[in-house]
N, C-alpha and C. Protein backbone atom coordinates (compact mmCIF):
# COMPACT_ATOMS: atom_id res chain seq x y z
N ASP A 1 0.76 -1.13 -0.12
CA ASP A 1 -0.26 0.20 0.14
C ASP A 1 0.83 1.17 -0.03
N TRP A 2 2.02 1.23 0.99
CA TRP A 2 2.72 2.24 1.07
C TRP A 2 3.54 2.88 -0.78
N ALA A 3 3.95 1.82 -0.71
CA ALA A 3 4.90 1.40 -1.91
C ALA A 3 4.06 2.34 -3.31
N ALA A 4 2.49 2.19 -3.19
CA ALA A 4 1.47 2.81 -4.57
C ALA A 4 1.80 4.00 -4.17
N LYS A 5 1.70 4.35 -2.86
CA LYS A 5 1.41 5.72 -2.28
C LYS A 5 2.18 6.47 -2.61
N GLY A 6 3.46 6.13 -2.59
CA GLY A 6 4.86 6.76 -3.14
C GLY A 6 4.69 6.82 -4.60
N THR A 7 4.77 6.15 -5.31
CA THR A 7 4.44 6.00 -6.59
C THR A 7 3.40 7.19 -7.26
N LYS A 8 2.62 6.94 -6.59
CA LYS A 8 1.30 8.14 -7.34
C LYS A 8 1.96 9.64 -6.49
N LEU A 9 2.52 9.47 -5.64
CA LEU A 9 3.34 11.09 -4.90
C LEU A 9 4.92 11.38 -5.70
N LEU A 10 5.01 10.69 -6.39
CA LEU A 10 6.09 10.98 -7.56
C LEU A 10 5.51 11.12 -9.11
N GLY A 11 4.03 11.10 -8.76
CA GLY A 11 3.53 11.67 -10.42
C GLY A 11 3.98 10.13 -11.48
N VAL A 12 4.22 9.22 -10.96
CA VAL A 12 3.93 7.92 -11.87
C VAL A 12 2.48 7.50 -12.04
N ALA A 13 2.32 7.46 -13.31
CA ALA A 13 1.01 7.64 -13.84
C ALA A 13 0.87 5.52 -14.18
N ALA A 14 2.17 5.38 -14.87
CA ALA A 14 1.89 3.52 -14.69
C ALA A 14 2.79 2.75 -14.58
N VAL A 15 2.82 1.69 -14.21
CA VAL A 15 4.53 0.91 -14.40
C VAL A 15 3.93 -0.60 -14.96
N LEU A 16 5.10 -0.45 -15.22
CA LEU A 16 5.13 -1.42 -16.56
C LEU A 16 6.36 -2.42 -15.84
N ALA A 17 5.87 -4.13 -15.46
CA ALA A 17 6.63 -4.54 -15.28
C ALA A 17 6.06 -5.94 -16.18
N GLU A 18 7.01 -7.42 -15.81
CA GLU A 18 7.37 -8.61 -16.37
C GLU A 18 6.12 -9.05 -15.72
N SER A 19 5.52 -9.20 -14.39
CA SER A 19 4.79 -10.02 -13.58
C SER A 19 3.82 -8.85 -12.48
N PHE A 20 2.86 -8.98 -11.56
CA PHE A 20 2.34 -8.74 -10.36
C PHE A 20 1.70 -9.20 -9.57
N GLU A 21 2.28 -9.28 -8.15
CA GLU A 21 1.53 -9.55 -7.29
C GLU A 21 0.13 -9.37 -7.30
N ARG A 22 -0.92 -10.42 -7.14
CA ARG A 22 -2.19 -9.51 -6.93
C ARG A 22 -2.25 -8.31 -5.97
N ILE A 23 -1.78 -8.10 -4.41
CA ILE A 23 -1.47 -7.22 -3.64
C ILE A 23 -1.05 -6.10 -4.32
N HIS A 24 0.17 -6.37 -4.70
CA HIS A 24 0.87 -4.94 -5.50
C HIS A 24 -0.13 -4.17 -6.45
N ARG A 25 -1.04 -5.08 -7.63
CA ARG A 25 -1.35 -4.50 -8.57
C ARG A 25 -2.35 -3.91 -8.18
N SER A 26 -3.33 -4.91 -7.32
CA SER A 26 -4.77 -3.80 -6.79
C SER A 26 -4.12 -2.71 -6.11
N ASN A 27 -2.89 -2.85 -5.49
CA ASN A 27 -3.05 -1.05 -4.79
C ASN A 27 -2.05 0.10 -5.59
N LEU A 28 -1.68 -0.59 -6.50
CA LEU A 28 -1.60 0.59 -7.86
C LEU A 28 -2.82 1.19 -8.14
N ILE A 29 -4.05 0.39 -8.47
CA ILE A 29 -4.77 0.80 -9.13
C ILE A 29 -5.75 1.24 -8.01
N GLY A 30 -5.48 1.07 -6.84
CA GLY A 30 -6.06 1.38 -6.07
C GLY A 30 -5.59 3.38 -5.68
N MET A 31 -4.07 3.45 -6.06
CA MET A 31 -3.80 4.99 -6.11
C MET A 31 -3.83 5.45 -7.21
N GLY A 32 -4.89 4.98 -8.17
CA GLY A 32 -4.96 5.33 -9.75
C GLY A 32 -4.23 5.23 -10.78
N VAL A 33 -3.11 4.29 -10.47
CA VAL A 33 -1.66 4.32 -11.07
C VAL A 33 -1.83 2.82 -11.57
N LEU A 34 -1.73 3.15 -13.46
CA LEU A 34 -2.17 1.79 -14.72
C LEU A 34 -0.95 0.67 -14.38
N PRO A 35 -1.29 -0.37 -14.06
CA PRO A 35 -0.61 -1.46 -14.26
C PRO A 35 -0.55 -1.94 -15.59
N LEU A 36 0.71 -1.98 -16.01
CA LEU A 36 0.85 -2.70 -17.53
C LEU A 36 2.07 -3.86 -17.09
N GLN A 37 1.53 -4.71 -18.12
CA GLN A 37 2.51 -5.99 -18.40
C GLN A 37 3.17 -6.41 -19.57
N PHE A 38 4.04 -6.92 -19.61
CA PHE A 38 5.00 -6.85 -20.67
C PHE A 38 4.33 -8.66 -21.38
N LYS A 39 4.12 -8.06 -22.69
CA LYS A 39 3.52 -9.78 -23.03
C LYS A 39 4.36 -10.77 -23.31
N PRO A 40 3.45 -12.10 -23.10
CA PRO A 40 4.39 -13.18 -23.14
C PRO A 40 5.87 -12.54 -24.52
N GLY A 41 7.09 -13.14 -23.48
CA GLY A 41 8.44 -13.54 -24.59
C GLY A 41 8.97 -11.78 -24.33
N GLN A 42 8.15 -11.34 -24.32
CA GLN A 42 8.66 -9.55 -23.72
C GLN A 42 9.25 -9.28 -22.32
N SER A 43 10.16 -8.36 -22.42
CA SER A 43 10.69 -8.27 -20.90
C SER A 43 11.72 -7.05 -21.24
N ARG A 44 11.96 -5.97 -20.32
CA ARG A 44 12.90 -5.37 -19.73
C ARG A 44 14.11 -5.47 -20.76
N ALA A 45 14.74 -6.37 -20.48
CA ALA A 45 15.80 -6.93 -20.86
C ALA A 45 16.14 -7.32 -22.35
N SER A 46 15.13 -7.84 -23.13
CA SER A 46 14.40 -8.27 -24.75
C SER A 46 14.53 -6.96 -25.17
N LEU A 47 13.93 -5.97 -24.78
CA LEU A 47 13.41 -4.43 -25.33
C LEU A 47 14.24 -3.83 -25.35
N GLY A 48 15.52 -3.84 -24.48
CA GLY A 48 16.60 -3.28 -24.32
C GLY A 48 16.81 -2.01 -23.67
N LEU A 49 15.53 -1.86 -22.44
CA LEU A 49 15.27 -0.80 -21.67
C LEU A 49 15.74 -0.72 -20.41
N THR A 50 16.26 0.68 -20.21
CA THR A 50 17.14 0.60 -18.92
C THR A 50 16.64 1.00 -17.99
N GLY A 51 15.21 1.95 -17.90
CA GLY A 51 14.71 3.14 -17.16
C GLY A 51 14.45 4.20 -17.46
N GLU A 52 15.96 4.76 -18.45
CA GLU A 52 16.09 6.11 -18.82
C GLU A 52 15.54 6.64 -19.73
N GLU A 53 14.93 6.13 -20.34
CA GLU A 53 14.24 6.04 -21.21
C GLU A 53 12.51 7.26 -20.93
N ARG A 54 12.01 8.28 -22.33
CA ARG A 54 10.77 8.36 -21.96
C ARG A 54 9.39 7.76 -22.42
N TYR A 55 8.85 7.60 -21.62
CA TYR A 55 7.60 6.59 -21.63
C TYR A 55 6.27 7.49 -22.33
N SER A 56 5.52 6.60 -23.35
CA SER A 56 4.47 7.84 -23.23
C SER A 56 3.28 6.41 -23.69
N ILE A 57 2.11 6.63 -23.18
CA ILE A 57 1.05 5.20 -22.86
C ILE A 57 -0.30 5.67 -24.00
N THR A 58 -0.20 5.35 -25.19
CA THR A 58 -1.62 5.50 -26.47
C THR A 58 -2.52 4.41 -26.20
N GLY A 59 -4.14 4.67 -26.35
CA GLY A 59 -5.24 3.41 -26.09
C GLY A 59 -5.72 3.13 -25.19
N LEU A 60 -5.60 4.63 -24.53
CA LEU A 60 -6.71 4.78 -23.41
C LEU A 60 -7.81 5.71 -23.21
N GLU A 61 -7.15 6.31 -24.27
CA GLU A 61 -8.57 7.98 -24.52
C GLU A 61 -9.51 7.37 -24.99
N GLY A 62 -10.97 7.71 -23.88
CA GLY A 62 -12.29 7.71 -24.68
C GLY A 62 -12.02 6.16 -24.95
N THR A 63 -12.27 5.92 -23.85
CA THR A 63 -12.51 4.03 -24.19
C THR A 63 -13.37 3.37 -22.76
N ASP A 64 -14.01 3.04 -23.58
CA ASP A 64 -15.13 2.86 -22.28
C ASP A 64 -15.71 0.98 -22.92
N PRO A 65 -15.56 0.08 -22.29
CA PRO A 65 -14.41 -0.28 -21.41
C PRO A 65 -12.99 -0.29 -21.66
N LEU A 66 -12.66 -0.26 -20.54
CA LEU A 66 -10.53 -0.04 -20.55
C LEU A 66 -10.24 -1.24 -21.75
N PRO A 67 -9.38 -1.10 -22.93
CA PRO A 67 -8.88 -1.60 -23.21
C PRO A 67 -7.74 -2.95 -22.93
N HIS A 68 -7.31 -4.00 -23.38
CA HIS A 68 -6.98 -5.31 -22.41
C HIS A 68 -5.62 -5.08 -23.15
N GLU A 69 -5.20 -4.41 -23.63
CA GLU A 69 -3.86 -3.50 -24.21
C GLU A 69 -3.98 -2.25 -24.78
N VAL A 70 -2.49 -1.96 -24.58
CA VAL A 70 -2.35 -0.46 -24.90
C VAL A 70 -0.70 -0.57 -25.95
N THR A 71 -0.41 0.48 -26.35
CA THR A 71 0.59 0.82 -27.01
C THR A 71 1.88 1.50 -26.23
N VAL A 72 2.86 1.48 -26.09
CA VAL A 72 3.37 2.08 -25.32
C VAL A 72 4.62 2.30 -26.46
N ARG A 73 5.01 3.56 -26.31
CA ARG A 73 6.07 4.34 -27.12
C ARG A 73 7.25 5.09 -26.30
N VAL A 74 8.34 4.48 -26.80
CA VAL A 74 9.66 4.43 -26.31
C VAL A 74 10.48 5.24 -26.73
N GLU A 75 11.36 6.63 -25.85
CA GLU A 75 12.19 7.23 -26.39
C GLU A 75 13.38 7.76 -26.02
N LYS A 76 14.59 7.10 -26.72
CA LYS A 76 15.70 8.02 -25.80
C LYS A 76 16.63 8.36 -26.88
N ASN A 77 17.24 9.68 -26.76
CA ASN A 77 18.34 9.95 -27.73
C ASN A 77 17.80 10.28 -29.04
N GLY A 78 16.74 10.73 -28.78
CA GLY A 78 16.19 10.97 -30.54
C GLY A 78 15.40 9.91 -31.19
N GLU A 79 15.71 8.45 -30.28
CA GLU A 79 14.94 7.21 -31.24
C GLU A 79 14.32 7.25 -30.20
N GLY A 80 13.48 6.65 -31.05
CA GLY A 80 11.96 5.53 -30.20
C GLY A 80 11.72 4.79 -31.31
N THR A 81 10.95 3.62 -30.02
CA THR A 81 9.99 2.41 -30.87
C THR A 81 9.22 1.97 -29.80
N GLU A 82 7.99 1.12 -30.58
CA GLU A 82 6.81 0.65 -29.89
C GLU A 82 6.47 -0.55 -29.61
N PHE A 83 5.70 -1.14 -28.65
CA PHE A 83 5.43 -2.18 -28.14
C PHE A 83 4.02 -1.77 -27.30
N THR A 84 3.24 -3.35 -27.31
CA THR A 84 2.13 -3.40 -26.78
C THR A 84 2.18 -4.29 -25.27
N ALA A 85 1.46 -3.93 -24.67
CA ALA A 85 1.34 -4.04 -23.50
C ALA A 85 -0.23 -4.44 -22.83
N ALA A 86 0.04 -5.34 -22.10
CA ALA A 86 -1.33 -5.60 -21.40
C ALA A 86 -1.80 -4.80 -20.02
N VAL A 87 -3.07 -4.38 -20.30
CA VAL A 87 -3.62 -3.62 -19.25
C VAL A 87 -3.79 -5.00 -18.10
N ARG A 88 -3.31 -4.45 -16.53
CA ARG A 88 -3.62 -5.51 -15.62
C ARG A 88 -4.52 -5.12 -15.12
N ILE A 89 -5.88 -4.20 -15.21
CA ILE A 89 -7.22 -4.10 -14.59
C ILE A 89 -7.77 -4.98 -14.49
N ASP A 90 -8.54 -6.04 -13.53
CA ASP A 90 -9.02 -7.08 -13.91
C ASP A 90 -10.54 -7.42 -14.00
N THR A 91 -11.03 -6.61 -13.12
CA THR A 91 -12.32 -7.12 -13.13
C THR A 91 -13.21 -5.30 -13.07
N PRO A 92 -14.60 -5.45 -12.85
CA PRO A 92 -15.18 -3.78 -13.55
C PRO A 92 -14.89 -3.53 -12.26
N ALA A 93 -15.05 -3.43 -10.80
CA ALA A 93 -14.68 -2.58 -9.27
C ALA A 93 -12.81 -2.31 -9.83
N GLU A 94 -12.03 -2.45 -10.52
CA GLU A 94 -10.80 -2.05 -10.41
C GLU A 94 -10.55 -0.99 -11.53
N ALA A 95 -11.80 -1.33 -12.90
CA ALA A 95 -11.98 -0.30 -13.79
C ALA A 95 -12.37 1.01 -13.12
N ALA A 96 -13.21 0.79 -12.20
CA ALA A 96 -14.17 1.96 -12.06
C ALA A 96 -13.21 2.61 -10.94
N TYR A 97 -12.44 1.91 -9.97
CA TYR A 97 -11.43 2.60 -9.32
C TYR A 97 -10.21 3.64 -9.86
N PHE A 98 -9.86 2.59 -10.85
CA PHE A 98 -8.56 3.64 -12.18
C PHE A 98 -9.47 4.58 -12.99
N ARG A 99 -10.94 4.57 -13.46
CA ARG A 99 -11.42 5.34 -13.89
C ARG A 99 -11.58 6.97 -13.13
N HIS A 100 -11.81 6.53 -11.87
CA HIS A 100 -11.99 7.60 -11.24
C HIS A 100 -10.73 7.76 -10.48
N GLY A 101 -9.46 7.44 -10.86
CA GLY A 101 -8.20 8.20 -9.84
C GLY A 101 -7.59 7.87 -8.99
N GLY A 102 -8.38 6.22 -8.34
CA GLY A 102 -8.41 5.63 -7.01
C GLY A 102 -9.40 5.58 -6.17
N ILE A 103 -9.20 4.86 -5.41
CA ILE A 103 -10.02 3.93 -4.40
C ILE A 103 -11.18 5.19 -3.69
N LEU A 104 -10.04 6.55 -3.17
CA LEU A 104 -10.95 7.49 -2.49
C LEU A 104 -11.21 8.11 -3.14
N GLN A 105 -11.12 8.56 -4.46
CA GLN A 105 -11.78 9.50 -5.02
C GLN A 105 -13.19 8.60 -5.24
N PHE A 106 -13.02 7.30 -5.90
CA PHE A 106 -14.28 6.97 -6.09
C PHE A 106 -15.28 6.38 -5.27
N VAL A 107 -14.81 6.29 -3.36
CA VAL A 107 -15.66 6.41 -2.68
C VAL A 107 -16.37 8.21 -2.15
N LEU A 108 -15.30 8.60 -2.33
CA LEU A 108 -15.86 10.02 -2.18
C LEU A 108 -17.01 10.65 -3.09
N ARG A 109 -16.80 10.19 -4.28
CA ARG A 109 -17.59 10.85 -5.30
C ARG A 109 -18.98 9.78 -5.58
N GLN A 110 -18.94 8.59 -4.46
CA GLN A 110 -20.44 7.90 -3.80
C GLN A 110 -20.65 8.10 -3.73
N LEU A 111 -20.21 8.58 -2.49
CA LEU A 111 -20.98 9.29 -0.94
C LEU A 111 -21.84 10.75 -1.12
N LEU A 112 -20.17 11.37 -2.38
CA LEU A 112 -21.52 12.62 -2.68
C LEU A 112 -22.64 12.42 -2.93
N GLU A 113 -22.57 11.44 -4.06
CA GLU A 113 -23.86 10.87 -5.41
C GLU A 113 -25.13 10.38 -3.86
N THR A 114 -24.78 10.19 -2.97
CA THR A 114 -25.77 9.57 -2.29
C THR A 114 -26.15 10.39 -1.50
N ASP A 115 -25.48 11.75 -1.43
CA ASP A 115 -25.65 12.41 -0.39
C ASP A 115 -26.57 13.44 -1.21
N ASP A 116 -26.39 13.78 -2.54
CA ASP A 116 -27.33 14.76 -3.45
C ASP A 116 -28.65 14.37 -3.20
N THR A 117 -28.78 12.57 -3.35
CA THR A 117 -29.85 11.93 -3.62
C THR A 117 -31.09 12.45 -2.51
N ARG A 118 -30.34 12.67 -1.40
CA ARG A 118 -30.95 12.42 -0.02
C ARG A 118 -31.23 13.61 0.56
N ARG A 119 -31.20 15.01 -0.83
CA ARG A 119 -31.55 16.12 -0.69
C ARG A 119 -32.69 16.41 -1.60
């Protein structure tokens, strides 16, 4: 939980990994951070990634439901490459949390909607 909070506070929008433990993946989603997973046969090493690159993600804009994969563009020293990564949001509840920016925002919006209907 704290690792995901730190990630969010640092401004990280997505985490790309070879695999996730369920709880870590769930904690990222709960903080509004997108968990992405390399496709089978791909890895940081096989793609030559060092973490010093600039990453951009496309394929999420205006999609509902969330896509199963997105395109990741990686640029370093003026050169770029693209690959697809799996979106690891596995349940409708996780999708709702992510769409709201995290579980706290989701719950607060639910409380506000409930309060509005009582007036």
